[in-house]
Protein backbone atom coordinates (compact mmCIF):
# COMPACT_ATOMS: atom_id res chain seq x y z
CA MET A 1 9.52 19.96 47.79
CA GLY A 2 8.86 17.09 45.41
CA ARG A 3 10.07 17.04 41.85
CA THR A 4 7.81 18.61 39.23
CA THR A 5 6.97 16.27 36.38
CA MET A 6 6.47 17.40 32.80
CA ALA A 7 2.76 16.60 33.05
CA GLN A 8 2.46 19.09 35.94
CA LEU A 9 3.81 22.00 33.93
CA ASP A 10 1.06 24.21 32.53
CA TRP A 11 2.93 24.78 29.26
CA TRP A 12 3.79 21.12 28.67
CA PRO A 13 1.37 19.08 26.49
CA SER A 14 -0.54 16.59 28.61
CA SER A 15 -1.15 14.18 25.72
CA PRO A 16 1.71 11.86 24.68
CA THR A 17 0.60 11.98 21.04
CA LEU A 18 0.56 15.77 21.09
CA THR A 19 4.04 15.79 22.62
CA VAL A 20 5.36 13.47 19.91
CA GLY A 21 3.70 15.60 17.25
CA LEU A 22 5.24 18.82 18.54
CA VAL A 23 8.69 17.23 18.81
CA ALA A 24 8.42 15.91 15.24
CA ALA A 25 7.30 19.35 14.06
CA ALA A 26 10.32 20.90 15.79
CA VAL A 27 12.64 18.43 14.05
CA MET A 28 10.97 19.32 10.76
CA ALA A 29 11.48 23.04 11.33
CA LEU A 30 15.12 22.58 12.35
CA ALA A 31 15.80 20.51 9.23
CA GLN A 32 14.15 23.17 7.05
CA ALA A 33 16.42 25.95 8.31
CA PRO A 34 19.66 24.96 6.50
CA VAL A 35 17.99 24.08 3.17
CA PRO A 36 18.59 27.48 1.49
CA PHE A 37 22.29 27.35 2.41
CA VAL A 38 23.36 23.95 1.05
CA ASP A 39 24.02 22.87 -2.52
CA ASP A 40 22.74 19.31 -2.05
CA ASP A 41 19.60 19.25 0.09
CA ARG A 42 18.47 15.70 -0.67
CA LEU A 43 19.08 14.38 2.84
CA LEU A 44 17.52 17.46 4.45
CA THR A 45 14.48 17.18 2.18
CA THR A 46 14.00 13.57 3.21
CA VAL A 47 14.34 14.42 6.90
CA VAL A 48 11.88 17.30 6.57
CA VAL A 49 9.24 15.17 4.86
CA VAL A 50 9.60 12.21 7.23
CA ALA A 51 9.38 14.51 10.26
CA PHE A 52 6.40 16.29 8.68
CA PHE A 53 4.70 12.94 8.11
CA ALA A 54 5.38 11.89 11.71
CA ALA A 55 4.11 15.21 13.07
CA THR A 56 0.86 14.96 11.14
CA CYS A 57 0.34 11.35 12.23
CA ALA A 58 0.93 12.16 15.89
CA LEU A 59 -1.17 15.33 15.90
CA ALA A 60 -3.98 13.48 14.13
CA ALA A 61 -3.73 10.69 16.71
CA ASP A 62 -4.43 13.33 19.36
CA VAL A 63 -7.85 13.81 17.72
CA TRP A 64 -8.72 10.38 16.33
CA ALA A 65 -7.86 6.89 17.54
CA PRO A 66 -4.39 5.81 16.38
CA ARG A 67 -5.93 2.88 14.51
CA ARG A 68 -8.10 5.26 12.47
CA VAL A 69 -5.11 7.46 11.73
CA ALA A 70 -2.98 4.49 10.66
CA VAL A 71 -5.67 3.26 8.28
CA ALA A 72 -6.24 6.73 6.83
CA ALA A 73 -2.51 7.32 6.40
CA GLY A 74 -2.10 3.95 4.70
CA VAL A 75 -4.96 4.59 2.29
CA VAL A 76 -3.81 8.12 1.38
CA VAL A 77 -0.15 7.12 1.00
CA ALA A 78 -0.97 4.08 -1.13
CA GLY A 79 -3.50 6.01 -3.17
CA THR A 80 -1.23 8.97 -3.88
CA LEU A 81 1.68 6.64 -4.68
CA ALA A 82 -0.54 5.03 -7.33
CA LEU A 83 -1.63 8.49 -8.49
CA GLU A 84 1.96 9.67 -8.90
CA PHE A 85 2.91 6.46 -10.71
CA VAL A 86 0.09 6.98 -13.19
CA GLY A 87 0.98 10.66 -13.39
CA HIS A 88 4.62 10.30 -14.32
CA THR A 89 4.07 7.36 -16.67
CA THR A 90 1.00 8.66 -18.55
CA GLY A 91 0.95 12.43 -17.99
CA TRP A 92 -2.52 12.26 -16.43
CA PRO A 93 -3.89 14.16 -14.51
CA PHE A 94 -1.06 16.66 -13.98
CA GLY A 95 0.61 16.87 -17.37
CA ALA A 96 3.81 15.32 -18.71
CA TYR A 97 6.50 15.16 -16.02
CA ASP A 98 8.98 12.68 -14.63
CA TYR A 99 11.02 12.16 -11.50
CA THR A 100 14.80 12.24 -11.53
CA PRO A 101 16.86 9.68 -9.57
CA ALA A 102 17.79 12.35 -7.00
CA LEU A 103 15.36 11.36 -4.23
CA VAL A 104 15.58 7.78 -3.01
CA PRO A 105 14.19 5.27 -2.23
CA GLN A 106 11.69 5.08 -5.09
CA ILE A 107 8.80 2.75 -5.87
CA GLY A 108 7.82 2.54 -9.51
CA GLY A 109 9.94 5.60 -10.20
CA VAL A 110 8.15 7.65 -7.51
CA PRO A 111 10.20 8.87 -4.52
CA VAL A 112 8.70 7.44 -1.32
CA VAL A 113 8.70 10.88 0.30
CA VAL A 114 6.19 12.16 -2.27
CA PRO A 115 3.13 10.18 -1.05
CA LEU A 116 4.28 10.78 2.53
CA ALA A 117 4.13 14.52 1.81
CA TRP A 118 0.64 14.20 0.32
CA TRP A 119 -0.67 12.79 3.59
CA ALA A 120 1.39 15.15 5.73
CA MET A 121 -0.19 18.26 4.22
CA ALA A 122 -3.62 16.82 3.39
CA VAL A 123 -4.69 16.54 7.03
CA PRO A 124 -3.71 20.13 7.96
CA ALA A 125 -5.40 21.36 4.75
CA ARG A 126 -8.58 19.52 5.71
CA GLU A 127 -8.36 21.18 9.13
CA VAL A 128 -8.34 24.56 7.37
CA ALA A 129 -11.43 23.59 5.37
CA ALA A 130 -13.23 22.22 8.42
CA ARG A 131 -13.01 25.60 10.14
CA LEU A 132 -14.51 27.37 7.14
CA ALA A 133 -17.31 25.06 6.01
CA GLY A 134 -19.57 22.34 7.32
CA PRO A 135 -19.78 18.79 5.96
CA GLY A 136 -20.34 18.55 2.24
CA TRP A 137 -18.83 19.60 -1.06
CA ALA A 138 -17.93 23.09 0.13
CA ARG A 139 -15.55 21.60 2.69
CA VAL A 140 -14.14 19.20 0.10
CA ALA A 141 -13.56 22.08 -2.33
CA LEU A 142 -11.93 24.29 0.31
CA GLY A 143 -9.69 21.44 1.41
CA ALA A 144 -8.63 20.87 -2.19
CA VAL A 145 -7.85 24.57 -2.61
CA ALA A 146 -5.88 24.65 0.67
CA LEU A 147 -3.82 21.63 -0.37
CA THR A 148 -3.23 22.92 -3.90
CA ALA A 149 -2.13 26.31 -2.53
CA TRP A 150 0.88 24.56 -1.01
CA ASP A 151 1.97 23.36 -4.45
CA LEU A 152 2.22 26.95 -5.68
CA MET A 153 5.51 26.97 -3.75
CA LEU A 154 6.32 23.27 -3.49
CA ASP A 155 6.50 22.54 -7.21
CA PRO A 156 8.80 25.47 -8.12
CA GLN A 157 11.13 24.52 -5.27
CA MET A 158 11.30 20.84 -6.18
CA VAL A 159 11.80 21.56 -9.88
CA GLU A 160 14.58 24.01 -9.07
CA SER A 161 16.19 21.35 -6.83
CA GLY A 162 16.13 18.87 -9.71
CA TYR A 163 13.75 16.36 -8.14
CA TRP A 164 11.35 16.28 -11.08
CA VAL A 165 11.11 17.86 -14.52
CA TRP A 166 8.28 19.00 -16.79
CA GLU A 167 8.37 18.18 -20.49
CA ALA A 168 6.82 21.51 -21.49
CA ASP A 169 7.15 24.96 -19.97
CA GLY A 170 4.13 26.46 -18.29
CA PRO A 171 3.13 29.97 -17.18
CA TRP A 172 3.80 29.49 -13.46
CA GLN A 173 7.59 29.41 -13.14
CA GLY A 174 7.76 26.87 -15.95
CA ILE A 175 5.02 24.67 -14.50
CA PRO A 176 1.91 24.02 -16.64
CA LEU A 177 -1.53 24.97 -15.39
CA SER A 178 -2.60 21.37 -15.98
CA ASN A 179 -0.56 20.51 -12.89
CA TYR A 180 -2.77 22.66 -10.70
CA ALA A 181 -5.95 21.41 -12.30
CA GLY A 182 -4.74 17.89 -11.54
CA TRP A 183 -3.90 18.89 -7.99
CA LEU A 184 -7.36 20.33 -7.40
CA VAL A 185 -9.09 17.18 -8.62
CA SER A 186 -6.71 14.81 -6.83
CA SER A 187 -6.86 16.84 -3.62
CA ALA A 188 -10.66 16.78 -3.69
CA VAL A 189 -10.55 12.97 -3.84
CA VAL A 190 -8.15 12.93 -0.88
CA MET A 191 -10.52 15.20 1.07
CA VAL A 192 -13.43 12.84 0.42
CA VAL A 193 -11.31 9.94 1.68
CA LEU A 194 -10.36 11.85 4.83
CA ASP A 195 -13.98 12.78 5.49
CA ARG A 196 -14.88 9.09 5.37
CA LEU A 197 -11.97 7.74 7.40
CA LEU A 198 -11.42 10.62 9.85
CA PRO A 199 -14.85 12.10 10.64
CA LEU A 200 -14.56 15.46 12.33
CA PRO A 201 -15.41 15.66 16.05
CA GLY A 202 -14.02 19.12 16.65
CA SER A 203 -10.90 21.21 16.12
CA SER A 204 -7.14 20.69 16.26
CA ARG A 205 -5.25 23.95 16.50
CA PRO A 206 -1.81 22.27 16.17
CA LEU A 207 -2.77 20.95 12.72
CA LEU A 208 -3.74 24.48 11.69
CA VAL A 209 -0.46 25.82 13.09
CA LEU A 210 1.37 23.22 11.00
CA TYR A 211 -0.36 24.50 7.86
CA VAL A 212 0.40 28.14 8.71
CA TRP A 213 4.02 27.31 9.50
CA TRP A 214 4.52 25.89 6.02
CA GLY A 215 3.00 28.99 4.49
CA ILE A 216 5.35 31.25 6.46
CA SER A 217 8.52 29.20 6.02
CA GLU A 218 8.09 28.56 2.30
CA ALA A 219 7.16 32.18 1.58
CA LEU A 220 10.17 33.51 3.49
CA ALA A 221 12.49 31.04 1.78
CA PHE A 222 11.41 32.19 -1.68
CA ILE A 223 11.39 35.90 -0.85
CA VAL A 224 14.66 36.04 1.12
CA PHE A 225 16.82 33.12 -0.02
CA PHE A 226 15.64 31.61 -3.31
CA GLY A 227 15.51 34.90 -5.21
CA ASP A 228 11.94 34.37 -6.40
CA PRO A 229 9.71 36.76 -4.44
CA LEU A 230 6.77 36.29 -6.82
CA VAL A 231 6.38 32.64 -5.79
CA GLY A 232 6.78 33.56 -2.13
CA VAL A 233 4.23 36.37 -2.26
CA VAL A 234 1.59 34.50 -4.27
CA GLY A 235 2.02 31.15 -2.53
CA GLY A 236 2.35 32.73 0.89
CA ALA A 237 -0.73 34.90 0.36
CA ALA A 238 -2.74 31.85 -0.69
CA MET A 239 -1.73 29.67 2.27
CA LEU A 240 -1.65 32.38 4.92
CA GLY A 241 -4.88 33.94 3.68
CA LEU A 242 -6.65 30.61 4.08
CA GLY A 243 -4.88 30.03 7.39
CA ALA A 244 -5.98 33.41 8.74
CA LEU A 245 -9.59 32.81 7.73
CA ALA A 246 -9.46 29.38 9.32
CA TRP A 247 -8.01 30.80 12.53
CA ARG A 248 -10.92 33.23 12.78
CA GLY A 249 -13.32 30.40 12.01
CA ASP A 250 -12.06 28.46 15.03
CA ARG A 251 -14.80 29.89 17.22
CA HIS A 252 -17.46 28.18 15.09
CA ILE A 253 -16.11 24.67 15.73
CA PRO A 254 -16.81 22.71 18.94
CA ARG A 255 -13.80 21.83 21.00
CA ARG A 256 -12.55 18.26 21.10
CA THR A 257 -12.79 16.74 24.56
CA THR A 258 -11.84 13.10 23.90
CA THR A 259 -9.95 11.20 21.25
CA TYR A 260 -12.52 10.37 18.60
CA GLY A 261 -12.89 6.72 17.79
CA SER A 262 -10.93 5.47 20.79
CA ARG A 263 -13.54 2.78 21.27
CA GLY A 264 -14.23 2.33 17.55
């Protein structure tokens, strides 16, 4: 009997990009696990974000041509880096905040992992929106809401870890509501960019799973380990509610059969 290759196994991903994406997602999840148990999680945070970025890139490359994904990632990362630079130097559009020196390297006072994280979650959030609405402003708005829902848990965690600070206290765990208004507007711009650079040919369940995973893992961390169940319940309900609706909406989206843009 001949040897069975990985490609011959029914459960093994047949696409190399999908395989890379799943491996990167596994690394991300493994790096997340010890975070609640260590006093200094700077290295783990960096590993989580880099693996998350790699997972999103690879899973996106299973849907769109790698060249399209590289261009889109470059535009979103550069754009959100500029956004965060303006944000922490002027207070617009999020409110007055600043980064601490904890996360390195930094460009213009902005930790490099921050724009990487914008891209990493923006594509899964757009996947959520794409399953709930057709092309147009409804999809842009839903994508912005899905991306902003993540920050209901992300911002409290990062502030508690000492990665950035707000000048004034706000009603959501010390974070001003202006932050979330800024996130909604900024996320909507990112969704418009993604719609232009990564036109939707169909669905990508792994990207949706990535979004749902973050909702589950962050909610559990806050409820069980961080001692802040309110953040976990509200943030988890927002992300997982959208994720559940998107999962049900999967049947309304045509399946992808080829990598979009492979000849473009």
